Amino acid sequence: MAETTPQIEIYTSPTCGYCHAAKRLLAQKGVSYTEINVVAQPERRAEMVQRANGGRTVPQIFIGGTHVGGYDDMALLDRRGGLDPMLGK
């Protein structure tokens, strides 16, 4: 039985290098995600800050409703072997 990937949401802005790095890492993992561009949808920034417990920088990454943090947090989680289990891999 195939495992299902949890919903992944990433708040981004188009000029953010860390956002591009986060999307690359998720693509390498072969998972799809919902991207929320806070520049194109500025009303979503307040939602992001609230969900991220005050985090104002992008990216802010959520996996299955759990706040992972930014790119550095997700990359560290991956290096420690914690990302794949969150992704259902």
PDB file of N, CA and C in Angstrom:
ATOM      1  N   MET A   1       0.846  -1.177   0.000  1.00  0.00           N
ATOM      2  CA  MET A   1       0.000   0.000   0.000  1.00  0.00           C
ATOM      3  C   MET A   1       0.897   1.248   0.000  1.00  0.00           C
ATOM      4  N   ALA A   2       0.676   2.137  -0.920  1.00  0.00           N
ATOM      5  CA  ALA A   2       1.503   3.335  -1.046  1.00  0.00           C
ATOM      6  C   ALA A   2       1.191   4.314   0.077  1.00  0.00           C
ATOM      7  N   GLU A   3       2.246   4.937   0.558  1.00  0.00           N
ATOM      8  CA  GLU A   3       2.057   5.948   1.599  1.00  0.00           C
ATOM      9  C   GLU A   3       1.579   7.233   0.938  1.00  0.00           C
ATOM     10  N   THR A   4       0.795   7.982   1.660  1.00  0.00           N
ATOM     11  CA  THR A   4       0.326   9.246   1.121  1.00  0.00           C
ATOM     12  C   THR A   4       1.176  10.374   1.675  1.00  0.00           C
ATOM     13  N   THR A   5       1.446  11.339   0.826  1.00  0.00           N
ATOM     14  CA  THR A   5       2.220  12.499   1.231  1.00  0.00           C
ATOM     15  C   THR A   5       1.303  13.483   1.928  1.00  0.00           C
ATOM     16  N   PRO A   6       1.712  14.004   3.087  1.00  0.00           N
ATOM     17  CA  PRO A   6       0.886  15.006   3.747  1.00  0.00           C
ATOM     18  C   PRO A   6       0.869  16.299   2.936  1.00  0.00           C
ATOM     19  N   GLN A   7      -0.095  17.141   3.221  1.00  0.00           N
ATOM     20  CA  GLN A   7      -0.161  18.426   2.536  1.00  0.00           C
ATOM     21  C   GLN A   7       1.050  19.261   2.931  1.00  0.00           C
ATOM     22  N   ILE A   8       1.711  19.829   1.937  1.00  0.00           N
ATOM     23  CA  ILE A   8       2.873  20.681   2.165  1.00  0.00           C
ATOM     24  C   ILE A   8       2.532  22.070   1.649  1.00  0.00           C
ATOM     25  N   GLU A   9       2.739  23.068   2.500  1.00  0.00           N
ATOM     26  CA  GLU A   9       2.490  24.456   2.122  1.00  0.00           C
ATOM     27  C   GLU A   9       3.770  25.238   2.368  1.00  0.00           C
ATOM     28  N   ILE A  10       4.102  26.112   1.427  1.00  0.00           N
ATOM     29  CA  ILE A  10       5.294  26.930   1.562  1.00  0.00           C
ATOM     30  C   ILE A  10       4.958  28.365   1.173  1.00  0.00           C
ATOM     31  N   TYR A  11       5.170  29.267   2.115  1.00  0.00           N
ATOM     32  CA  TYR A  11       4.961  30.700   1.865  1.00  0.00           C
ATOM     33  C   TYR A  11       6.263  31.244   1.279  1.00  0.00           C
ATOM     34  N   THR A  12       6.167  31.933   0.154  1.00  0.00           N
ATOM     35  CA  THR A  12       7.356  32.372  -0.571  1.00  0.00           C
ATOM     36  C   THR A  12       7.217  33.796  -1.089  1.00  0.00           C
ATOM     37  N   SER A  13       8.339  34.301  -1.610  1.00  0.00           N
ATOM     38  CA  SER A  13       8.325  35.499  -2.446  1.00  0.00           C
ATOM     39  C   SER A  13       9.222  35.197  -3.645  1.00  0.00           C
ATOM     40  N   PRO A  14       8.952  35.825  -4.794  1.00  0.00           N
ATOM     41  CA  PRO A  14       9.649  35.468  -6.034  1.00  0.00           C
ATOM     42  C   PRO A  14      11.159  35.703  -6.003  1.00  0.00           C
ATOM     43  N   THR A  15      11.642  36.663  -5.234  1.00  0.00           N
ATOM     44  CA  THR A  15      13.061  37.002  -5.264  1.00  0.00           C
ATOM     45  C   THR A  15      13.861  36.360  -4.129  1.00  0.00           C
ATOM     46  N   CYS A  16      13.255  35.450  -3.405  1.00  0.00           N
ATOM     47  CA  CYS A  16      13.879  34.843  -2.227  1.00  0.00           C
ATOM     48  C   CYS A  16      14.691  33.604  -2.613  1.00  0.00           C
ATOM     49  N   GLY A  17      16.003  33.681  -2.456  1.00  0.00           N
ATOM     50  CA  GLY A  17      16.869  32.544  -2.772  1.00  0.00           C
ATOM     51  C   GLY A  17      16.598  31.332  -1.907  1.00  0.00           C
ATOM     52  N   TYR A  18      16.300  31.565  -0.630  1.00  0.00           N
ATOM     53  CA  TYR A  18      16.003  30.438   0.264  1.00  0.00           C
ATOM     54  C   TYR A  18      14.693  29.756  -0.125  1.00  0.00           C
ATOM     55  N   CYS A  19      13.756  30.534  -0.665  1.00  0.00           N
ATOM     56  CA  CYS A  19      12.490  29.952  -1.147  1.00  0.00           C
ATOM     57  C   CYS A  19      12.770  29.006  -2.315  1.00  0.00           C
ATOM     58  N   HIS A  20      13.620  29.455  -3.241  1.00  0.00           N
ATOM     59  CA  HIS A  20      13.964  28.610  -4.392  1.00  0.00           C
ATOM     60  C   HIS A  20      14.689  27.345  -3.931  1.00  0.00           C
ATOM     61  N   ALA A  21      15.577  27.484  -2.946  1.00  0.00           N
ATOM     62  CA  ALA A  21      16.294  26.322  -2.420  1.00  0.00           C
ATOM     63  C   ALA A  21      15.323  25.337  -1.761  1.00  0.00           C
ATOM     64  N   ALA A  22      14.355  25.861  -1.019  1.00  0.00           N
ATOM     65  CA  ALA A  22      13.371  24.993  -0.361  1.00  0.00           C
ATOM     66  C   ALA A  22      12.541  24.237  -1.397  1.00  0.00           C
ATOM     67  N   LYS A  23      12.130  24.943  -2.454  1.00  0.00           N
ATOM     68  CA  LYS A  23      11.329  24.294  -3.504  1.00  0.00           C
ATOM     69  C   LYS A  23      12.163  23.235  -4.230  1.00  0.00           C
ATOM     70  N   ARG A  24      13.461  23.507  -4.426  1.00  0.00           N
ATOM     71  CA  ARG A  24      14.347  22.519  -5.059  1.00  0.00           C
ATOM     72  C   ARG A  24      14.456  21.272  -4.201  1.00  0.00           C
ATOM     73  N   LEU A  25      14.619  21.439  -2.893  1.00  0.00           N
ATOM     74  CA  LEU A  25      14.739  20.286  -2.003  1.00  0.00           C
ATOM     75  C   LEU A  25      13.463  19.452  -2.029  1.00  0.00           C
ATOM     76  N   LEU A  26      12.310  20.106  -1.994  1.00  0.00           N
ATOM     77  CA  LEU A  26      11.044  19.363  -2.054  1.00  0.00           C
ATOM     78  C   LEU A  26      10.896  18.654  -3.398  1.00  0.00           C
ATOM     79  N   ALA A  27      11.328  19.300  -4.477  1.00  0.00           N
ATOM     80  CA  ALA A  27      11.266  18.667  -5.805  1.00  0.00           C
ATOM     81  C   ALA A  27      12.172  17.439  -5.852  1.00  0.00           C
ATOM     82  N   GLN A  28      13.359  17.546  -5.242  1.00  0.00           N
ATOM     83  CA  GLN A  28      14.278  16.398  -5.194  1.00  0.00           C
ATOM     84  C   GLN A  28      13.664  15.237  -4.425  1.00  0.00           C
ATOM     85  N   LYS A  29      12.824  15.557  -3.460  1.00  0.00           N
ATOM     86  CA  LYS A  29      12.149  14.519  -2.678  1.00  0.00           C
ATOM     87  C   LYS A  29      10.954  13.941  -3.436  1.00  0.00           C
ATOM     88  N   GLY A  30      10.605  14.575  -4.555  1.00  0.00           N
ATOM     89  CA  GLY A  30       9.506  14.061  -5.374  1.00  0.00           C
ATOM     90  C   GLY A  30       8.131  14.311  -4.790  1.00  0.00           C
ATOM     91  N   VAL A  31       8.002  15.379  -4.005  1.00  0.00           N
ATOM     92  CA  VAL A  31       6.703  15.680  -3.405  1.00  0.00           C
ATOM     93  C   VAL A  31       6.144  16.972  -3.986  1.00  0.00           C
ATOM     94  N   SER A  32       4.844  17.048  -4.026  1.00  0.00           N
ATOM     95  CA  SER A  32       4.202  18.269  -4.509  1.00  0.00           C
ATOM     96  C   SER A  32       3.865  19.140  -3.309  1.00  0.00           C
ATOM     97  N   TYR A  33       3.703  20.419  -3.576  1.00  0.00           N
ATOM     98  CA  TYR A  33       3.438  21.365  -2.502  1.00  0.00           C
ATOM     99  C   TYR A  33       2.579  22.493  -3.037  1.00  0.00           C
ATOM    100  N   THR A  34       1.957  23.193  -2.121  1.00  0.00           N
ATOM    101  CA  THR A  34       1.183  24.383  -2.451  1.00  0.00           C
ATOM    102  C   THR A  34       2.041  25.583  -2.115  1.00  0.00           C
ATOM    103  N   GLU A  35       2.267  26.431  -3.105  1.00  0.00           N
ATOM    104  CA  GLU A  35       3.072  27.627  -2.901  1.00  0.00           C
ATOM    105  C   GLU A  35       2.152  28.827  -2.709  1.00  0.00           C
ATOM    106  N   ILE A  36       2.404  29.589  -1.663  1.00  0.00           N
ATOM    107  CA  ILE A  36       1.619  30.787  -1.383  1.00  0.00           C
ATOM    108  C   ILE A  36       2.572  31.977  -1.492  1.00  0.00           C
ATOM    109  N   ASN A  37       2.421  32.739  -2.564  1.00  0.00           N
ATOM    110  CA  ASN A  37       3.286  33.882  -2.839  1.00  0.00           C
ATOM    111  C   ASN A  37       2.752  35.082  -2.064  1.00  0.00           C
ATOM    112  N   VAL A  38       3.493  35.504  -1.022  1.00  0.00           N
ATOM    113  CA  VAL A  38       3.009  36.592  -0.165  1.00  0.00           C
ATOM    114  C   VAL A  38       3.198  37.968  -0.802  1.00  0.00           C
ATOM    115  N   VAL A  39       3.910  38.028  -1.938  1.00  0.00           N
ATOM    116  CA  VAL A  39       4.009  39.288  -2.680  1.00  0.00           C
ATOM    117  C   VAL A  39       2.777  39.448  -3.554  1.00  0.00           C
ATOM    118  N   ALA A  40       2.398  38.372  -4.251  1.00  0.00           N
ATOM    119  CA  ALA A  40       1.209  38.406  -5.104  1.00  0.00           C
ATOM    120  C   ALA A  40      -0.077  38.403  -4.280  1.00  0.00           C
ATOM    121  N   GLN A  41      -0.022  37.815  -3.083  1.00  0.00           N
ATOM    122  CA  GLN A  41      -1.193  37.732  -2.197  1.00  0.00           C
ATOM    123  C   GLN A  41      -0.809  38.311  -0.831  1.00  0.00           C
ATOM    124  N   PRO A  42      -0.623  39.639  -0.743  1.00  0.00           N
ATOM    125  CA  PRO A  42      -0.150  40.233   0.516  1.00  0.00           C
ATOM    126  C   PRO A  42      -1.072  39.981   1.702  1.00  0.00           C
ATOM    127  N   GLU A  43      -2.335  39.722   1.447  1.00  0.00           N
ATOM    128  CA  GLU A  43      -3.260  39.439   2.550  1.00  0.00           C
ATOM    129  C   GLU A  43      -2.915  38.122   3.244  1.00  0.00           C
ATOM    130  N   ARG A  44      -2.168  37.261   2.591  1.00  0.00           N
ATOM    131  CA  ARG A  44      -1.787  35.969   3.177  1.00  0.00           C
ATOM    132  C   ARG A  44      -0.590  36.087   4.132  1.00  0.00           C
ATOM    133  N   ARG A  45       0.133  37.237   4.102  1.00  0.00           N
ATOM    134  CA  ARG A  45       1.303  37.400   4.969  1.00  0.00           C
ATOM    135  C   ARG A  45       0.909  37.339   6.447  1.00  0.00           C
ATOM    136  N   ALA A  46      -0.183  38.006   6.831  1.00  0.00           N
ATOM    137  CA  ALA A  46      -0.627  37.981   8.229  1.00  0.00           C
ATOM    138  C   ALA A  46      -0.966  36.551   8.647  1.00  0.00           C
ATOM    139  N   GLU A  47      -1.590  35.800   7.757  1.00  0.00           N
ATOM    140  CA  GLU A  47      -1.901  34.389   8.019  1.00  0.00           C
ATOM    141  C   GLU A  47      -0.605  33.614   8.264  1.00  0.00           C
ATOM    142  N   MET A  48       0.407  33.859   7.417  1.00  0.00           N
ATOM    143  CA  MET A  48       1.698  33.181   7.552  1.00  0.00           C
ATOM    144  C   MET A  48       2.326  33.485   8.910  1.00  0.00           C
ATOM    145  N   VAL A  49       2.355  34.767   9.283  1.00  0.00           N
ATOM    146  CA  VAL A  49       2.975  35.177  10.552  1.00  0.00           C
ATOM    147  C   VAL A  49       2.268  34.515  11.728  1.00  0.00           C
ATOM    148  N   GLN A  50       0.938  34.464  11.675  1.00  0.00           N
ATOM    149  CA  GLN A  50       0.180  33.829  12.752  1.00  0.00           C
ATOM    150  C   GLN A  50       0.482  32.335  12.816  1.00  0.00           C
ATOM    151  N   ARG A  51       0.452  31.660  11.672  1.00  0.00           N
ATOM    152  CA  ARG A  51       0.697  30.216  11.648  1.00  0.00           C
ATOM    153  C   ARG A  51       2.127  29.877  12.046  1.00  0.00           C
ATOM    154  N   ALA A  52       3.072  30.782  11.718  1.00  0.00           N
ATOM    155  CA  ALA A  52       4.492  30.533  11.984  1.00  0.00           C
ATOM    156  C   ALA A  52       4.921  31.072  13.351  1.00  0.00           C
ATOM    157  N   ASN A  53       3.956  31.334  14.212  1.00  0.00           N
ATOM    158  CA  ASN A  53       4.250  31.827  15.563  1.00  0.00           C
ATOM    159  C   ASN A  53       5.148  33.059  15.532  1.00  0.00           C
ATOM    160  N   GLY A  54       4.818  33.989  14.636  1.00  0.00           N
ATOM    161  CA  GLY A  54       5.549  35.249  14.568  1.00  0.00           C
ATOM    162  C   GLY A  54       6.632  35.297  13.509  1.00  0.00           C
ATOM    163  N   GLY A  55       6.870  34.180  12.818  1.00  0.00           N
ATOM    164  CA  GLY A  55       7.889  34.154  11.773  1.00  0.00           C
ATOM    165  C   GLY A  55       7.481  35.070  10.621  1.00  0.00           C
ATOM    166  N   ARG A  56       8.324  36.058  10.316  1.00  0.00           N
ATOM    167  CA  ARG A  56       7.983  37.042   9.292  1.00  0.00           C
ATOM    168  C   ARG A  56       8.764  36.862   8.006  1.00  0.00           C
ATOM    169  N   THR A  57       9.795  36.026   8.034  1.00  0.00           N
ATOM    170  CA  THR A  57      10.625  35.844   6.839  1.00  0.00           C
ATOM    171  C   THR A  57      10.098  34.688   6.003  1.00  0.00           C
ATOM    172  N   VAL A  58      10.392  34.721   4.729  1.00  0.00           N
ATOM    173  CA  VAL A  58      10.049  33.604   3.852  1.00  0.00           C
ATOM    174  C   VAL A  58      11.328  32.850   3.532  1.00  0.00           C
ATOM    175  N   PRO A  59      11.230  31.556   3.268  1.00  0.00           N
ATOM    176  CA  PRO A  59      10.011  30.760   3.281  1.00  0.00           C
ATOM    177  C   PRO A  59       9.590  30.376   4.701  1.00  0.00           C
ATOM    178  N   GLN A  60       8.313  30.095   4.836  1.00  0.00           N
ATOM    179  CA  GLN A  60       7.778  29.427   6.023  1.00  0.00           C
ATOM    180  C   GLN A  60       7.140  28.150   5.492  1.00  0.00           C
ATOM    181  N   ILE A  61       7.556  27.027   6.034  1.00  0.00           N
ATOM    182  CA  ILE A  61       7.187  25.724   5.484  1.00  0.00           C
ATOM    183  C   ILE A  61       6.354  24.950   6.506  1.00  0.00           C
ATOM    184  N   PHE A  62       5.257  24.382   6.012  1.00  0.00           N
ATOM    185  CA  PHE A  62       4.361  23.572   6.835  1.00  0.00           C
ATOM    186  C   PHE A  62       4.193  22.215   6.165  1.00  0.00           C
ATOM    187  N   ILE A  63       4.360  21.151   6.928  1.00  0.00           N
ATOM    188  CA  ILE A  63       4.169  19.787   6.413  1.00  0.00           C
ATOM    189  C   ILE A  63       3.114  19.122   7.279  1.00  0.00           C
ATOM    190  N   GLY A  64       2.002  18.776   6.645  1.00  0.00           N
ATOM    191  CA  GLY A  64       0.913  18.148   7.386  1.00  0.00           C
ATOM    192  C   GLY A  64       0.407  19.014   8.520  1.00  0.00           C
ATOM    193  N   GLY A  65       0.450  20.329   8.331  1.00  0.00           N
ATOM    194  CA  GLY A  65      -0.011  21.253   9.352  1.00  0.00           C
ATOM    195  C   GLY A  65       1.027  21.593  10.407  1.00  0.00           C
ATOM    196  N   THR A  66       2.176  20.915  10.388  1.00  0.00           N
ATOM    197  CA  THR A  66       3.249  21.175  11.345  1.00  0.00           C
ATOM    198  C   THR A  66       4.193  22.225  10.782  1.00  0.00           C
ATOM    199  N   HIS A  67       4.492  23.231  11.586  1.00  0.00           N
ATOM    200  CA  HIS A  67       5.409  24.283  11.142  1.00  0.00           C
ATOM    201  C   HIS A  67       6.837  23.759  11.224  1.00  0.00           C
ATOM    202  N   VAL A  68       7.495  23.644  10.075  1.00  0.00           N
ATOM    203  CA  VAL A  68       8.872  23.164  10.010  1.00  0.00           C
ATOM    204  C   VAL A  68       9.839  24.324  10.227  1.00  0.00           C
ATOM    205  N   GLY A  69       9.472  25.509   9.722  1.00  0.00           N
ATOM    206  CA  GLY A  69      10.344  26.679   9.802  1.00  0.00           C
ATOM    207  C   GLY A  69      10.722  27.140   8.415  1.00  0.00           C
ATOM    208  N   GLY A  70      11.938  27.623   8.284  1.00  0.00           N
ATOM    209  CA  GLY A  70      12.428  28.098   6.996  1.00  0.00           C
ATOM    210  C   GLY A  70      13.257  27.038   6.298  1.00  0.00           C
ATOM    211  N   TYR A  71      13.967  27.464   5.252  1.00  0.00           N
ATOM    212  CA  TYR A  71      14.772  26.510   4.483  1.00  0.00           C
ATOM    213  C   TYR A  71      15.854  25.872   5.342  1.00  0.00           C
ATOM    214  N   ASP A  72      16.586  26.682   6.115  1.00  0.00           N
ATOM    215  CA  ASP A  72      17.666  26.125   6.940  1.00  0.00           C
ATOM    216  C   ASP A  72      17.131  25.061   7.899  1.00  0.00           C
ATOM    217  N   ASP A  73      15.958  25.323   8.466  1.00  0.00           N
ATOM    218  CA  ASP A  73      15.343  24.353   9.380  1.00  0.00           C
ATOM    219  C   ASP A  73      15.011  23.050   8.657  1.00  0.00           C
ATOM    220  N   MET A  74      14.438  23.173   7.451  1.00  0.00           N
ATOM    221  CA  MET A  74      14.069  21.982   6.692  1.00  0.00           C
ATOM    222  C   MET A  74      15.315  21.219   6.244  1.00  0.00           C
ATOM    223  N   ALA A  75      16.363  21.936   5.821  1.00  0.00           N
ATOM    224  CA  ALA A  75      17.601  21.281   5.386  1.00  0.00           C
ATOM    225  C   ALA A  75      18.252  20.542   6.562  1.00  0.00           C
ATOM    226  N   LEU A  76      18.239  21.146   7.742  1.00  0.00           N
ATOM    227  CA  LEU A  76      18.793  20.497   8.935  1.00  0.00           C
ATOM    228  C   LEU A  76      17.978  19.258   9.286  1.00  0.00           C
ATOM    229  N   LEU A  77      16.671  19.372   9.212  1.00  0.00           N
ATOM    230  CA  LEU A  77      15.790  18.237   9.466  1.00  0.00           C
ATOM    231  C   LEU A  77      16.113  17.094   8.502  1.00  0.00           C
ATOM    232  N   ASP A  78      16.365  17.441   7.231  1.00  0.00           N
ATOM    233  CA  ASP A  78      16.705  16.443   6.230  1.00  0.00           C
ATOM    234  C   ASP A  78      18.044  15.780   6.559  1.00  0.00           C
ATOM    235  N   ARG A  79      19.043  16.578   6.909  1.00  0.00           N
ATOM    236  CA  ARG A  79      20.367  16.023   7.240  1.00  0.00           C
ATOM    237  C   ARG A  79      20.302  15.095   8.447  1.00  0.00           C
ATOM    238  N   ARG A  80      19.388  15.379   9.359  1.00  0.00           N
ATOM    239  CA  ARG A  80      19.249  14.551  10.564  1.00  0.00           C
ATOM    240  C   ARG A  80      18.329  13.347  10.350  1.00  0.00           C
ATOM    241  N   GLY A  81      17.802  13.215   9.129  1.00  0.00           N
ATOM    242  CA  GLY A  81      16.950  12.075   8.818  1.00  0.00           C
ATOM    243  C   GLY A  81      15.498  12.222   9.223  1.00  0.00           C
ATOM    244  N   GLY A  82      15.075  13.445   9.560  1.00  0.00           N
ATOM    245  CA  GLY A  82      13.712  13.634  10.022  1.00  0.00           C
ATOM    246  C   GLY A  82      12.726  14.078   8.967  1.00  0.00           C
ATOM    247  N   LEU A  83      13.231  14.515   7.788  1.00  0.00           N
ATOM    248  CA  LEU A  83      12.318  15.042   6.778  1.00  0.00           C
ATOM    249  C   LEU A  83      11.554  13.935   6.069  1.00  0.00           C
ATOM    250  N   ASP A  84      12.258  12.892   5.635  1.00  0.00           N
ATOM    251  CA  ASP A  84      11.578  11.813   4.899  1.00  0.00           C
ATOM    252  C   ASP A  84      10.407  11.212   5.676  1.00  0.00           C
ATOM    253  N   PRO A  85      10.563  10.917   6.991  1.00  0.00           N
ATOM    254  CA  PRO A  85       9.393  10.398   7.719  1.00  0.00           C
ATOM    255  C   PRO A  85       8.219  11.374   7.720  1.00  0.00           C
ATOM    256  N   MET A  86       8.507  12.679   7.811  1.00  0.00           N
ATOM    257  CA  MET A  86       7.410  13.672   7.777  1.00  0.00           C
ATOM    258  C   MET A  86       6.712  13.661   6.419  1.00  0.00           C
ATOM    259  N   LEU A  87       7.491  13.361   5.372  1.00  0.00           N
ATOM    260  CA  LEU A  87       6.943  13.356   4.014  1.00  0.00           C
ATOM    261  C   LEU A  87       6.273  12.024   3.661  1.00  0.00           C
ATOM    262  N   GLY A  88       6.303  11.082   4.607  1.00  0.00           N
ATOM    263  CA  GLY A  88       5.691   9.785   4.347  1.00  0.00           C
ATOM    264  C   GLY A  88       6.555   8.902   3.469  1.00  0.00           C
ATOM    265  N   LYS A  89       7.868   9.094   3.510  1.00  0.00           N
ATOM    266  CA  LYS A  89       8.798   8.307   2.673  1.00  0.00           C
ATOM    267  C   LYS A  89       9.541   7.298   3.515  1.00  0.00           C
TER     268      LYS A  89
END
